[in-house]
PDB file of N, CA and C in Angstrom:
ATOM      1  N   MET A   1     107.549  97.626 102.992  1.00  0.00           N
ATOM      2  CA  MET A   1     106.580  98.027 101.989  1.00  0.00           C
ATOM      3  C   MET A   1     107.310  98.079 100.648  1.00  0.00           C
ATOM      4  N   LYS A   2     106.686  97.490  99.662  1.00  0.00           N
ATOM      5  CA  LYS A   2     107.317  97.406  98.346  1.00  0.00           C
ATOM      6  C   LYS A   2     107.034  98.589  97.452  1.00  0.00           C
ATOM      7  N   LYS A   3     105.751  98.909  97.299  1.00  0.00           N
ATOM      8  CA  LYS A   3     105.390  99.928  96.316  1.00  0.00           C
ATOM      9  C   LYS A   3     104.044 100.550  96.678  1.00  0.00           C
ATOM     10  N   ILE A   4     103.913 101.837  96.390  1.00  0.00           N
ATOM     11  CA  ILE A   4     102.635 102.533  96.550  1.00  0.00           C
ATOM     12  C   ILE A   4     102.323 103.195  95.218  1.00  0.00           C
ATOM     13  N   LYS A   5     101.107 102.955  94.708  1.00  0.00           N
ATOM     14  CA  LYS A   5     100.685 103.556  93.437  1.00  0.00           C
ATOM     15  C   LYS A   5      99.288 104.142  93.617  1.00  0.00           C
ATOM     16  N   TYR A   6      99.010 105.159  92.824  1.00  0.00           N
ATOM     17  CA  TYR A   6      97.667 105.747  92.800  1.00  0.00           C
ATOM     18  C   TYR A   6      97.077 105.529  91.418  1.00  0.00           C
ATOM     19  N   ASN A   7      95.855 105.010  91.365  1.00  0.00           N
ATOM     20  CA  ASN A   7      95.152 104.803  90.104  1.00  0.00           C
ATOM     21  C   ASN A   7      94.040 105.841  90.017  1.00  0.00           C
ATOM     22  N   SER A   8      94.246 106.856  89.191  1.00  0.00           N
ATOM     23  CA  SER A   8      93.269 107.949  89.088  1.00  0.00           C
ATOM     24  C   SER A   8      91.986 107.519  88.370  1.00  0.00           C
ATOM     25  N   ASP A   9      92.067 106.471  87.544  1.00  0.00           N
ATOM     26  CA  ASP A   9      90.864 106.000  86.845  1.00  0.00           C
ATOM     27  C   ASP A   9      89.785 105.546  87.808  1.00  0.00           C
ATOM     28  N   VAL A  10      90.195 104.929  88.910  1.00  0.00           N
ATOM     29  CA  VAL A  10      89.224 104.410  89.888  1.00  0.00           C
ATOM     30  C   VAL A  10      89.385 105.062  91.260  1.00  0.00           C
ATOM     31  N   ASP A  11      90.255 106.078  91.369  1.00  0.00           N
ATOM     32  CA  ASP A  11      90.525 106.787  92.622  1.00  0.00           C
ATOM     33  C   ASP A  11      90.868 105.805  93.737  1.00  0.00           C
ATOM     34  N   ALA A  12      91.893 104.992  93.489  1.00  0.00           N
ATOM     35  CA  ALA A  12      92.310 103.996  94.473  1.00  0.00           C
ATOM     36  C   ALA A  12      93.810 104.096  94.730  1.00  0.00           C
ATOM     37  N   LEU A  13      94.170 103.961  95.992  1.00  0.00           N
ATOM     38  CA  LEU A  13      95.560 103.912  96.396  1.00  0.00           C
ATOM     39  C   LEU A  13      95.910 102.439  96.583  1.00  0.00           C
ATOM     40  N   LEU A  14      96.967 101.978  95.912  1.00  0.00           N
ATOM     41  CA  LEU A  14      97.377 100.578  95.978  1.00  0.00           C
ATOM     42  C   LEU A  14      98.683 100.494  96.750  1.00  0.00           C
ATOM     43  N   VAL A  15      98.675  99.738  97.836  1.00  0.00           N
ATOM     44  CA  VAL A  15      99.868  99.574  98.665  1.00  0.00           C
ATOM     45  C   VAL A  15     100.297  98.114  98.568  1.00  0.00           C
ATOM     46  N   GLU A  16     101.386  97.890  97.838  1.00  0.00           N
ATOM     47  CA  GLU A  16     101.908  96.543  97.640  1.00  0.00           C
ATOM     48  C   GLU A  16     102.867  96.231  98.790  1.00  0.00           C
ATOM     49  N   LEU A  17     102.539  95.210  99.564  1.00  0.00           N
ATOM     50  CA  LEU A  17     103.331  94.868 100.737  1.00  0.00           C
ATOM     51  C   LEU A  17     104.455  93.887 100.428  1.00  0.00           C
ATOM     52  N   ASN A  18     104.216  93.001  99.450  1.00  0.00           N
ATOM     53  CA  ASN A  18     105.219  92.006  99.067  1.00  0.00           C
ATOM     54  C   ASN A  18     104.842  91.409  97.714  1.00  0.00           C
ATOM     55  N   ASP A  19     105.632  90.458  97.247  1.00  0.00           N
ATOM     56  CA  ASP A  19     105.410  89.837  95.938  1.00  0.00           C
ATOM     57  C   ASP A  19     104.769  88.460  96.020  1.00  0.00           C
ATOM     58  N   LEU A  20     104.233  88.107  97.157  1.00  0.00           N
ATOM     59  CA  LEU A  20     103.642  86.779  97.324  1.00  0.00           C
ATOM     60  C   LEU A  20     102.399  86.637  96.455  1.00  0.00           C
ATOM     61  N   PRO A  21     102.062  85.425  96.035  1.00  0.00           N
ATOM     62  CA  PRO A  21     100.876  85.228  95.194  1.00  0.00           C
ATOM     63  C   PRO A  21      99.582  85.480  95.969  1.00  0.00           C
ATOM     64  N   ILE A  22      98.651  86.153  95.316  1.00  0.00           N
ATOM     65  CA  ILE A  22      97.353  86.474  95.933  1.00  0.00           C
ATOM     66  C   ILE A  22      96.394  85.315  95.708  1.00  0.00           C
ATOM     67  N   ASP A  23      95.708  84.927  96.763  1.00  0.00           N
ATOM     68  CA  ASP A  23      94.743  83.833  96.690  1.00  0.00           C
ATOM     69  C   ASP A  23      93.304  84.334  96.804  1.00  0.00           C
ATOM     70  N   TYR A  24      93.072  85.308  97.677  1.00  0.00           N
ATOM     71  CA  TYR A  24      91.711  85.817  97.876  1.00  0.00           C
ATOM     72  C   TYR A  24      91.773  87.235  98.430  1.00  0.00           C
ATOM     73  N   ALA A  25      90.615  87.895  98.454  1.00  0.00           N
ATOM     74  CA  ALA A  25      90.526  89.274  98.962  1.00  0.00           C
ATOM     75  C   ALA A  25      89.272  89.421  99.808  1.00  0.00           C
ATOM     76  N   GLU A  26      89.339  90.364 100.742  1.00  0.00           N
ATOM     77  CA  GLU A  26      88.185  90.715 101.567  1.00  0.00           C
ATOM     78  C   GLU A  26      88.018  92.220 101.529  1.00  0.00           C
ATOM     79  N   GLN A  27      86.774  92.678 101.487  1.00  0.00           N
ATOM     80  CA  GLN A  27      86.501  94.116 101.461  1.00  0.00           C
ATOM     81  C   GLN A  27      85.864  94.543 102.767  1.00  0.00           C
ATOM     82  N   PHE A  28      86.383  95.637 103.323  1.00  0.00           N
ATOM     83  CA  PHE A  28      85.868  96.254 104.534  1.00  0.00           C
ATOM     84  C   PHE A  28      85.598  97.716 104.193  1.00  0.00           C
ATOM     85  N   GLU A  29      84.354  98.021 103.846  1.00  0.00           N
ATOM     86  CA  GLU A  29      83.966  99.358 103.388  1.00  0.00           C
ATOM     87  C   GLU A  29      84.856  99.780 102.224  1.00  0.00           C
ATOM     88  N   ASP A  30      85.691 100.806 102.394  1.00  0.00           N
ATOM     89  CA  ASP A  30      86.522 101.330 101.303  1.00  0.00           C
ATOM     90  C   ASP A  30      87.934 100.759 101.290  1.00  0.00           C
ATOM     91  N   LEU A  31      88.126  99.619 101.934  1.00  0.00           N
ATOM     92  CA  LEU A  31      89.434  98.979 101.978  1.00  0.00           C
ATOM     93  C   LEU A  31      89.300  97.533 101.508  1.00  0.00           C
ATOM     94  N   ILE A  32      90.115  97.158 100.526  1.00  0.00           N
ATOM     95  CA  ILE A  32      90.165  95.774 100.061  1.00  0.00           C
ATOM     96  C   ILE A  32      91.562  95.247 100.399  1.00  0.00           C
ATOM     97  N   ILE A  33      91.594  94.112 101.105  1.00  0.00           N
ATOM     98  CA  ILE A  33      92.862  93.490 101.470  1.00  0.00           C
ATOM     99  C   ILE A  33      92.977  92.174 100.715  1.00  0.00           C
ATOM    100  N   HIS A  34      94.075  92.019  99.986  1.00  0.00           N
ATOM    101  CA  HIS A  34      94.354  90.794  99.241  1.00  0.00           C
ATOM    102  C   HIS A  34      95.330  89.950 100.067  1.00  0.00           C
ATOM    103  N   TYR A  35      95.032  88.655 100.170  1.00  0.00           N
ATOM    104  CA  TYR A  35      95.796  87.752 101.026  1.00  0.00           C
ATOM    105  C   TYR A  35      96.385  86.576 100.247  1.00  0.00           C
ATOM    106  N   THR A  36      97.419  85.968 100.833  1.00  0.00           N
ATOM    107  CA  THR A  36      97.942  84.704 100.328  1.00  0.00           C
ATOM    108  C   THR A  36      97.038  83.577 100.819  1.00  0.00           C
ATOM    109  N   LYS A  37      97.300  82.372 100.345  1.00  0.00           N
ATOM    110  CA  LYS A  37      96.565  81.194 100.792  1.00  0.00           C
ATOM    111  C   LYS A  37      96.697  81.011 102.309  1.00  0.00           C
ATOM    112  N   GLU A  38      97.834  81.441 102.857  1.00  0.00           N
ATOM    113  CA  GLU A  38      98.113  81.300 104.288  1.00  0.00           C
ATOM    114  C   GLU A  38      97.525  82.433 105.118  1.00  0.00           C
ATOM    115  N   GLY A  39      96.900  83.420 104.459  1.00  0.00           N
ATOM    116  CA  GLY A  39      96.281  84.528 105.179  1.00  0.00           C
ATOM    117  C   GLY A  39      97.182  85.726 105.419  1.00  0.00           C
ATOM    118  N   LEU A  40      98.322  85.789 104.740  1.00  0.00           N
ATOM    119  CA  LEU A  40      99.210  86.947 104.881  1.00  0.00           C
ATOM    120  C   LEU A  40      98.763  88.053 103.927  1.00  0.00           C
ATOM    121  N   PRO A  41      98.706  89.301 104.380  1.00  0.00           N
ATOM    122  CA  PRO A  41      98.315  90.393 103.487  1.00  0.00           C
ATOM    123  C   PRO A  41      99.395  90.665 102.442  1.00  0.00           C
ATOM    124  N   VAL A  42      98.946  90.875 101.201  1.00  0.00           N
ATOM    125  CA  VAL A  42      99.857  91.123 100.082  1.00  0.00           C
ATOM    126  C   VAL A  42      99.660  92.527  99.511  1.00  0.00           C
ATOM    127  N   LEU A  43      98.400  92.929  99.356  1.00  0.00           N
ATOM    128  CA  LEU A  43      98.070  94.191  98.699  1.00  0.00           C
ATOM    129  C   LEU A  43      96.893  94.847  99.405  1.00  0.00           C
ATOM    130  N   LEU A  44      97.000  96.153  99.634  1.00  0.00           N
ATOM    131  CA  LEU A  44      95.900  96.935 100.190  1.00  0.00           C
ATOM    132  C   LEU A  44      95.397  97.870  99.104  1.00  0.00           C
ATOM    133  N   GLU A  45      94.088  97.915  98.914  1.00  0.00           N
ATOM    134  CA  GLU A  45      93.474  98.864  97.987  1.00  0.00           C
ATOM    135  C   GLU A  45      92.594  99.801  98.800  1.00  0.00           C
ATOM    136  N   VAL A  46      92.908 101.074  98.763  1.00  0.00           N
ATOM    137  CA  VAL A  46      92.105 102.073  99.463  1.00  0.00           C
ATOM    138  C   VAL A  46      91.254 102.775  98.411  1.00  0.00           C
ATOM    139  N   LEU A  47      89.951 102.526  98.441  1.00  0.00           N
ATOM    140  CA  LEU A  47      89.025 103.132  97.483  1.00  0.00           C
ATOM    141  C   LEU A  47      88.639 104.526  97.958  1.00  0.00           C
ATOM    142  N   GLY A  48      88.382 105.443  97.036  1.00  0.00           N
ATOM    143  CA  GLY A  48      88.048 106.817  97.415  1.00  0.00           C
ATOM    144  C   GLY A  48      89.236 107.506  98.060  1.00  0.00           C
ATOM    145  N   ALA A  49      90.408 107.295  97.491  1.00  0.00           N
ATOM    146  CA  ALA A  49      91.661 107.764  98.093  1.00  0.00           C
ATOM    147  C   ALA A  49      91.757 109.282  98.206  1.00  0.00           C
ATOM    148  N   LYS A  50      91.225 110.009  97.235  1.00  0.00           N
ATOM    149  CA  LYS A  50      91.302 111.484  97.306  1.00  0.00           C
ATOM    150  C   LYS A  50      90.565 112.012  98.526  1.00  0.00           C
ATOM    151  N   LYS A  51      89.354 111.543  98.730  1.00  0.00           N
ATOM    152  CA  LYS A  51      88.552 112.001  99.869  1.00  0.00           C
ATOM    153  C   LYS A  51      89.226 111.607 101.184  1.00  0.00           C
ATOM    154  N   LEU A  52      89.742 110.388 101.250  1.00  0.00           N
ATOM    155  CA  LEU A  52      90.415 109.934 102.464  1.00  0.00           C
ATOM    156  C   LEU A  52      91.638 110.795 102.745  1.00  0.00           C
ATOM    157  N   SER A  53      92.435 111.075 101.716  1.00  0.00           N
ATOM    158  CA  SER A  53      93.636 111.901 101.891  1.00  0.00           C
ATOM    159  C   SER A  53      93.274 113.289 102.403  1.00  0.00           C
ATOM    160  N   LEU A  54      92.249 113.881 101.818  1.00  0.00           N
ATOM    161  CA  LEU A  54      91.812 115.208 102.274  1.00  0.00           C
ATOM    162  C   LEU A  54      91.349 115.165 103.720  1.00  0.00           C
ATOM    163  N   ASN A  55      90.619 114.119 104.092  1.00  0.00           N
ATOM    164  CA  ASN A  55      90.154 113.978 105.478  1.00  0.00           C
ATOM    165  C   ASN A  55      91.326 113.826 106.446  1.00  0.00           C
ATOM    166  N   ILE A  56      92.341 113.066 106.041  1.00  0.00           N
ATOM    167  CA  ILE A  56      93.515 112.871 106.897  1.00  0.00           C
ATOM    168  C   ILE A  56      94.249 114.190 107.092  1.00  0.00           C
ATOM    169  N   PHE A  57      94.515 114.914 106.004  1.00  0.00           N
ATOM    170  CA  PHE A  57      95.235 116.182 106.126  1.00  0.00           C
ATOM    171  C   PHE A  57      94.421 117.212 106.915  1.00  0.00           C
ATOM    172  N   ASP A  58      93.113 117.255 106.709  1.00  0.00           N
ATOM    173  CA  ASP A  58      92.258 118.167 107.464  1.00  0.00           C
ATOM    174  C   ASP A  58      92.318 117.840 108.956  1.00  0.00           C
ATOM    175  N   SER A  59      92.296 116.565 109.278  1.00  0.00           N
ATOM    176  CA  SER A  59      92.363 116.144 110.679  1.00  0.00           C
ATOM    177  C   SER A  59      93.701 116.511 111.309  1.00  0.00           C
ATOM    178  N   ILE A  60      94.785 116.367 110.542  1.00  0.00           N
ATOM    179  CA  ILE A  60      96.105 116.720 111.063  1.00  0.00           C
ATOM    180  C   ILE A  60      96.199 118.224 111.300  1.00  0.00           C
ATOM    181  N   VAL A  61      95.784 119.001 110.322  1.00  0.00           N
ATOM    182  CA  VAL A  61      95.869 120.472 110.426  1.00  0.00           C
ATOM    183  C   VAL A  61      95.002 120.982 111.576  1.00  0.00           C
ATOM    184  N   ASN A  62      93.835 120.401 111.735  1.00  0.00           N
ATOM    185  CA  ASN A  62      92.894 120.873 112.757  1.00  0.00           C
ATOM    186  C   ASN A  62      92.954 120.064 114.038  1.00  0.00           C
ATOM    187  N   ASN A  63      93.970 119.191 114.154  1.00  0.00           N
ATOM    188  CA  ASN A  63      94.201 118.414 115.365  1.00  0.00           C
ATOM    189  C   ASN A  63      92.948 117.631 115.793  1.00  0.00           C
ATOM    190  N   ARG A  64      92.338 116.935 114.813  1.00  0.00           N
ATOM    191  CA  ARG A  64      91.152 116.132 115.088  1.00  0.00           C
ATOM    192  C   ARG A  64      91.427 114.675 114.770  1.00  0.00           C
ATOM    193  N   GLU A  65      90.573 113.825 115.300  1.00  0.00           N
ATOM    194  CA  GLU A  65      90.662 112.392 115.021  1.00  0.00           C
ATOM    195  C   GLU A  65      90.306 112.109 113.577  1.00  0.00           C
ATOM    196  N   VAL A  66      91.037 111.203 112.950  1.00  0.00           N
ATOM    197  CA  VAL A  66      90.731 110.799 111.578  1.00  0.00           C
ATOM    198  C   VAL A  66      89.584 109.805 111.611  1.00  0.00           C
ATOM    199  N   VAL A  67      88.545 110.081 110.814  1.00  0.00           N
ATOM    200  CA  VAL A  67      87.371 109.213 110.747  1.00  0.00           C
ATOM    201  C   VAL A  67      87.314 108.564 109.375  1.00  0.00           C
ATOM    202  N   PHE A  68      87.291 107.252 109.341  1.00  0.00           N
ATOM    203  CA  PHE A  68      87.224 106.504 108.085  1.00  0.00           C
ATOM    204  C   PHE A  68      85.799 106.102 107.818  1.00  0.00           C
ATOM    205  N   GLY A  69      85.471 105.994 106.503  1.00  0.00           N
ATOM    206  CA  GLY A  69      84.146 105.489 106.119  1.00  0.00           C
ATOM    207  C   GLY A  69      83.136 106.557 105.851  1.00  0.00           C
TER     208      GLY A  69
END
């Protein structure tokens, strides 16, 4: 993993996996995955990151399954 950044303007967590050139992206609910021409993932964008983070920590503290979406 190369870099993780949080963008508070749009409440998104950006996880940079490598420096390869991005060709296209696909969105799955609150997750956008950017890919190379060959289909390798380059960048993950987690939208609504604050809510997701709170849900993850709540699930850990209360020993519950993490539910996305």
